[in-house]
Amino acid sequence: MADISRTDVLPRPRQAGPLDGPCRTVAREVFAPGAGEHAAAVREREEAAKAVCRGCPVRLPCRRHALAERVPDGVRGGLSPDERHVLLVDTRSAGSL
């Protein structure tokens, strides 16, 4: 499966296969953090990325991939890194009950 953890090295859309989505062709810069971003800029960028994800036909497979591979940064599958972290922590906590 293609490594989608870094948007600057994403394969071209025709090579991406099942995870071909709009993030591969439009506004790619909103999906990855910028150096030295302030909190307000991070939130604004993440909301712009999530807006692209909302209409994406591969949002759920992308989200599953990001969670399974523990992708540490960037919006993936409509979730920010913090949102993915919360889901992963909740899943681990539920498994230990």
Protein backbone atom coordinates (compact mmCIF):
# COMPACT_ATOMS: atom_id res chain seq x y z
CA MET A 1 0.00 0.00 0.00
CA ALA A 2 1.21 3.54 -0.74
CA ASP A 3 2.74 5.52 2.11
CA ILE A 4 0.53 8.61 2.54
CA SER A 5 2.16 9.94 5.69
CA ARG A 6 3.96 12.73 3.79
CA THR A 7 2.01 14.79 1.30
CA ASP A 8 5.17 16.16 -0.31
CA VAL A 9 6.06 12.69 -1.59
CA LEU A 10 2.62 11.40 -2.52
CA PRO A 11 2.47 9.37 -5.70
CA ARG A 12 0.72 10.84 -8.70
CA PRO A 13 -3.08 10.28 -8.64
CA ARG A 14 -3.03 7.46 -11.22
CA GLN A 15 -0.48 5.54 -9.11
CA ALA A 16 -2.37 5.93 -5.85
CA GLY A 17 -4.97 3.27 -6.52
CA PRO A 18 -7.77 2.95 -3.97
CA LEU A 19 -6.72 6.03 -1.98
CA ASP A 20 -7.07 8.41 -4.92
CA GLY A 21 -8.75 11.50 -3.50
CA PRO A 22 -8.97 15.24 -4.02
CA CYS A 23 -6.05 15.81 -1.62
CA ARG A 24 -3.80 14.31 -4.31
CA THR A 25 -4.61 17.06 -6.78
CA VAL A 26 -5.96 20.19 -5.00
CA ALA A 27 -4.68 22.31 -2.13
CA ARG A 28 -2.16 19.72 -0.97
CA GLU A 29 -0.46 22.24 1.32
CA VAL A 30 -3.46 22.28 3.70
CA PHE A 31 -2.95 18.63 4.59
CA ALA A 32 0.50 18.92 6.16
CA PRO A 33 1.84 21.18 8.88
CA GLY A 34 3.98 24.16 8.03
CA ALA A 35 7.16 25.00 9.89
CA GLY A 36 6.57 27.30 12.84
CA GLU A 37 2.79 27.55 12.41
CA HIS A 38 0.90 29.42 15.10
CA ALA A 39 -2.07 27.65 16.71
CA ALA A 40 -4.63 29.80 14.88
CA ALA A 41 -2.97 29.04 11.53
CA VAL A 42 -2.94 25.31 12.34
CA ARG A 43 -6.66 25.33 13.11
CA GLU A 44 -7.45 27.28 9.94
CA ARG A 45 -5.34 24.97 7.78
CA GLU A 46 -6.84 21.85 9.36
CA GLU A 47 -10.39 23.13 8.81
CA ALA A 48 -9.59 23.80 5.15
CA ALA A 49 -8.23 20.26 4.80
CA LYS A 50 -11.27 18.77 6.53
CA ALA A 51 -13.52 20.67 4.11
CA VAL A 52 -11.77 18.88 1.23
CA CYS A 53 -12.11 15.56 3.06
CA ARG A 54 -15.87 15.95 3.65
CA GLY A 55 -16.70 15.27 0.03
CA CYS A 56 -13.96 12.73 -0.60
CA PRO A 57 -15.00 9.29 -1.87
CA VAL A 58 -12.05 7.60 -0.11
CA ARG A 59 -12.25 9.45 3.21
CA LEU A 60 -12.96 6.34 5.28
CA PRO A 61 -10.25 4.11 3.76
CA CYS A 62 -7.83 7.02 4.16
CA ARG A 63 -8.86 7.44 7.79
CA ARG A 64 -8.45 3.70 8.46
CA HIS A 65 -5.00 3.78 6.87
CA ALA A 66 -3.93 6.81 8.93
CA LEU A 67 -5.10 5.13 12.15
CA ALA A 68 -3.59 1.75 11.31
CA GLU A 69 -0.23 3.24 10.32
CA ARG A 70 -0.24 5.75 13.21
CA VAL A 71 0.40 8.66 10.80
CA PRO A 72 1.75 11.33 13.17
CA ASP A 73 0.89 14.55 11.38
CA GLY A 74 -1.33 16.20 8.82
CA VAL A 75 -5.05 15.84 8.27
CA ARG A 76 -5.90 12.36 7.02
CA GLY A 77 -9.38 10.99 6.39
CA GLY A 78 -10.91 14.15 7.79
CA LEU A 79 -9.15 13.86 11.15
CA SER A 80 -6.40 15.98 12.63
CA PRO A 81 -3.42 14.35 14.37
CA ASP A 82 -4.97 15.17 17.77
CA GLU A 83 -8.31 13.63 16.77
CA ARG A 84 -6.58 10.46 15.56
CA HIS A 85 -4.59 10.29 18.77
CA VAL A 86 -7.78 10.49 20.87
CA LEU A 87 -9.37 7.68 18.84
CA LEU A 88 -6.30 5.49 19.22
CA VAL A 89 -6.08 6.11 22.97
CA ASP A 90 -9.82 5.39 23.38
CA THR A 91 -9.46 2.17 21.36
CA ARG A 92 -6.54 0.99 23.49
CA SER A 93 -8.42 1.89 26.71
CA ALA A 94 -11.53 0.02 25.59
CA GLY A 95 -9.43 -3.05 24.77
CA SER A 96 -8.00 -3.19 28.27
CA LEU A 97 -11.41 -3.31 29.99
